[in-house]
Amino acid sequence: MVCDFRSLDVALGGQGAPLVPIGDRLLFSEFDYCLNLGGFANISYEQNGQRIAYDICPANIVLNHLAGKIGKAFDPSGQMARIGNLSPSLLSILNQLPYYNQAPPKSLGKEWVLSNIFPVLDSSTVLLNDQLNTFCEHIAMQVSKVTGTHKNHKILITGGGAFNDYLLERIEYHVNKRHIGLLNARFTCFYKQ
């Protein structure tokens, strides 16, 4: 019987999602990066002939939590985030979390969010729309650290976050920003719906 790949992968030193990178390599080899914007932003890509996959940062698990504070299941198309304002101080706190300095392989879980993200947001005096705006910026900056290192690349974006227009705009902005001064730099994003 073939089952429970997650537990076996963790027991063997993996991060608990052994089939996703294989599927990405086999099904979407024309893309340089496969970025899933689900509860967590996770990515897979080829590096030195090996498929690398890991969690970049929390995504919808936080955005949906914030939207839930006003009785919404999620922020449709990122509309609430769009009208918010960036909080540089909150963004700085989020971007300085130690997880982001760890080298892959690495993975996140709900427990990490409960102990590292929600306390920061819950104790903040920043308005809700501003928190949504700032967290979208945080996600975009963390994603660009991974995907913003090549002049020309194609990114497949999947998951519920692919429907968050504001988040995608911020990701595109930060990825392109890393290309300033590079010849023929471009950002190509494809959405699988």
Protein backbone atom coordinates (compact mmCIF):
# COMPACT_ATOMS: atom_id res chain seq x y z
CA MET A 1 0.00 0.00 0.00
CA VAL A 2 1.25 3.47 -0.90
CA CYS A 3 0.13 6.14 1.54
CA ASP A 4 1.13 8.81 4.06
CA PHE A 5 3.94 10.31 1.99
CA ARG A 6 4.11 13.31 4.33
CA SER A 7 5.04 11.40 7.50
CA LEU A 8 7.57 9.23 5.69
CA ASP A 9 9.18 12.25 4.06
CA VAL A 10 9.51 14.03 7.42
CA ALA A 11 10.94 10.85 9.00
CA LEU A 12 13.56 10.76 6.23
CA GLY A 13 14.55 14.40 6.85
CA GLY A 14 12.29 16.01 4.26
CA GLN A 15 9.80 18.84 4.67
CA GLY A 16 6.61 16.81 4.25
CA ALA A 17 5.63 17.43 0.64
CA PRO A 18 7.72 15.02 -1.43
CA LEU A 19 5.35 14.74 -4.41
CA VAL A 20 4.85 18.44 -5.18
CA PRO A 21 8.38 19.11 -6.50
CA ILE A 22 8.26 15.97 -8.62
CA GLY A 23 4.88 16.96 -10.03
CA ASP A 24 6.08 20.49 -10.73
CA ARG A 25 9.15 19.17 -12.56
CA LEU A 26 7.15 16.70 -14.65
CA LEU A 27 4.07 18.80 -15.39
CA PHE A 28 5.41 22.35 -15.55
CA SER A 29 9.00 22.04 -16.73
CA GLU A 30 8.61 25.04 -19.05
CA PHE A 31 8.44 27.30 -15.99
CA ASP A 32 11.48 28.44 -14.05
CA TYR A 33 9.50 28.65 -10.81
CA CYS A 34 6.28 27.06 -9.57
CA LEU A 35 4.88 29.35 -6.89
CA ASN A 36 1.85 28.26 -4.88
CA LEU A 37 0.08 31.03 -3.00
CA GLY A 38 -2.03 28.97 -0.64
CA GLY A 39 -2.07 29.12 3.13
CA PHE A 40 1.68 29.46 2.76
CA ALA A 41 3.66 30.72 -0.20
CA ASN A 42 5.79 27.80 -1.32
CA ILE A 43 8.00 27.36 -4.32
CA SER A 44 9.85 24.78 -6.36
CA TYR A 45 12.60 25.31 -8.94
CA GLU A 46 15.66 23.67 -10.44
CA GLN A 47 19.08 24.46 -8.98
CA ASN A 48 22.23 22.66 -10.04
CA GLY A 49 20.22 19.77 -11.48
CA GLN A 50 18.20 19.29 -8.30
CA ARG A 51 14.61 20.29 -7.56
CA ILE A 52 14.45 22.67 -4.61
CA ALA A 53 11.14 23.19 -2.80
CA TYR A 54 10.23 24.96 0.43
CA ASP A 55 7.88 27.37 2.16
CA ILE A 56 8.76 31.02 1.58
CA CYS A 57 6.36 32.67 4.03
CA PRO A 58 2.78 32.59 5.30
CA ALA A 59 0.24 33.88 2.79
CA ASN A 60 -3.52 33.24 2.83
CA ILE A 61 -3.46 31.82 6.35
CA VAL A 62 -2.69 35.38 7.52
CA LEU A 63 -4.64 37.35 4.91
CA ASN A 64 -7.78 35.27 5.58
CA HIS A 65 -7.31 35.62 9.34
CA LEU A 66 -7.23 39.40 8.97
CA ALA A 67 -10.30 39.44 6.69
CA GLY A 68 -12.07 37.22 9.23
CA LYS A 69 -11.80 39.99 11.81
CA ILE A 70 -14.58 41.80 9.93
CA GLY A 71 -16.57 38.68 9.11
CA LYS A 72 -15.16 37.98 5.64
CA ALA A 73 -13.71 34.65 4.57
CA PHE A 74 -11.05 36.40 2.47
CA ASP A 75 -10.18 39.72 0.84
CA PRO A 76 -11.71 39.48 -2.68
CA SER A 77 -9.06 40.42 -5.27
CA GLY A 78 -7.13 42.15 -2.49
CA GLN A 79 -9.58 45.07 -2.48
CA MET A 80 -9.20 45.80 1.23
CA ALA A 81 -5.42 45.56 1.03
CA ARG A 82 -5.39 47.90 -1.97
CA ILE A 83 -7.09 50.73 -0.08
CA GLY A 84 -4.84 50.27 2.93
CA ASN A 85 -1.57 52.04 3.56
CA LEU A 86 1.81 50.46 4.08
CA SER A 87 3.14 50.45 7.64
CA PRO A 88 6.95 50.57 7.34
CA SER A 89 7.41 49.70 11.02
CA LEU A 90 5.16 46.62 10.83
CA LEU A 91 6.78 45.57 7.56
CA SER A 92 10.22 45.81 9.15
CA ILE A 93 9.19 43.61 12.08
CA LEU A 94 7.74 40.97 9.72
CA ASN A 95 10.72 40.98 7.36
CA GLN A 96 13.18 40.53 10.24
CA LEU A 97 11.72 37.23 11.49
CA PRO A 98 14.59 34.70 11.81
CA TYR A 99 12.91 32.11 9.53
CA TYR A 100 13.72 34.23 6.48
CA ASN A 101 17.45 33.93 7.10
CA GLN A 102 17.36 30.12 7.20
CA ALA A 103 18.56 28.27 4.13
CA PRO A 104 16.25 25.70 2.53
CA PRO A 105 15.03 23.09 2.98
CA LYS A 106 12.63 24.63 5.44
CA SER A 107 8.91 24.59 6.08
CA LEU A 108 6.29 26.47 8.04
CA GLY A 109 3.16 25.41 9.87
CA LYS A 110 0.15 26.91 11.58
CA GLU A 111 1.92 26.73 14.95
CA TRP A 112 4.69 28.99 13.65
CA VAL A 113 2.13 31.54 12.45
CA LEU A 114 0.27 31.38 15.76
CA SER A 115 3.43 32.11 17.73
CA ASN A 116 5.30 34.46 15.36
CA ILE A 117 2.82 36.34 13.15
CA PHE A 118 -0.54 36.63 14.88
CA PRO A 119 0.89 38.12 18.11
CA VAL A 120 2.63 40.83 16.08
CA LEU A 121 -0.54 41.67 14.15
CA ASP A 122 -2.89 41.35 17.12
CA SER A 123 -0.81 43.70 19.26
CA SER A 124 -0.39 46.22 16.46
CA THR A 125 -2.30 49.52 16.43
CA VAL A 126 -2.14 49.52 12.62
CA LEU A 127 -5.61 49.57 11.02
CA LEU A 128 -6.93 46.35 9.46
CA ASN A 129 -6.71 47.49 5.82
CA ASP A 130 -3.19 48.73 6.52
CA GLN A 131 -2.26 45.34 8.01
CA LEU A 132 -3.60 43.62 4.87
CA ASN A 133 -1.67 46.02 2.65
CA THR A 134 1.51 45.55 4.68
CA PHE A 135 1.23 41.77 4.76
CA CYS A 136 0.77 41.66 0.97
CA GLU A 137 3.94 43.74 0.70
CA HIS A 138 5.70 41.35 3.07
CA ILE A 139 4.71 38.32 0.95
CA ALA A 140 5.77 40.08 -2.25
CA MET A 141 9.17 41.02 -0.83
CA GLN A 142 9.84 37.50 0.44
CA VAL A 143 8.80 35.97 -2.91
CA SER A 144 11.02 38.39 -4.82
CA LYS A 145 14.05 37.31 -2.79
CA VAL A 146 13.66 33.87 -4.34
CA THR A 147 12.35 34.61 -7.83
CA GLY A 148 14.05 37.91 -8.47
CA THR A 149 17.51 36.55 -9.15
CA HIS A 150 17.37 35.85 -12.91
CA LYS A 151 17.06 38.29 -15.80
CA ASN A 152 14.42 36.28 -17.68
CA HIS A 153 12.16 33.76 -16.10
CA LYS A 154 8.65 32.39 -16.15
CA ILE A 155 6.68 31.85 -12.97
CA LEU A 156 3.62 29.66 -12.67
CA ILE A 157 1.42 30.98 -9.86
CA THR A 158 -1.26 28.72 -8.41
CA GLY A 159 -3.42 28.58 -5.31
CA GLY A 160 -6.04 30.94 -3.94
CA GLY A 161 -3.57 33.81 -3.86
CA ALA A 162 -3.48 33.76 -7.67
CA PHE A 163 -6.89 35.46 -7.46
CA ASN A 164 -5.57 38.29 -5.27
CA ASP A 165 -4.88 40.92 -7.91
CA TYR A 166 -3.28 43.34 -5.47
CA LEU A 167 -0.86 40.72 -4.15
CA LEU A 168 0.14 39.75 -7.70
CA GLU A 169 0.78 43.39 -8.59
CA ARG A 170 3.06 43.75 -5.57
CA ILE A 171 4.93 40.54 -6.42
CA GLU A 172 5.45 41.72 -9.99
CA TYR A 173 6.65 45.12 -8.74
CA HIS A 174 9.24 43.64 -6.37
CA VAL A 175 10.49 41.02 -8.83
CA ASN A 176 10.94 43.68 -11.52
CA LYS A 177 12.56 46.08 -9.04
CA ARG A 178 15.36 43.55 -8.55
CA HIS A 179 16.01 43.71 -12.29
CA ILE A 180 16.78 47.43 -12.47
CA GLY A 181 19.96 47.82 -14.49
CA LEU A 182 19.72 44.37 -16.06
CA LEU A 183 19.41 44.19 -19.82
CA ASN A 184 16.22 42.65 -21.21
CA ALA A 185 14.80 41.94 -17.79
CA ARG A 186 11.22 40.79 -17.79
CA PHE A 187 8.73 39.16 -15.48
CA THR A 188 6.38 36.61 -16.97
CA CYS A 189 3.61 35.32 -14.76
CA PHE A 190 1.11 32.65 -15.67
CA TYR A 191 -1.91 31.72 -13.61
CA LYS A 192 -3.34 28.24 -13.41
CA GLN A 193 -7.00 28.48 -12.54
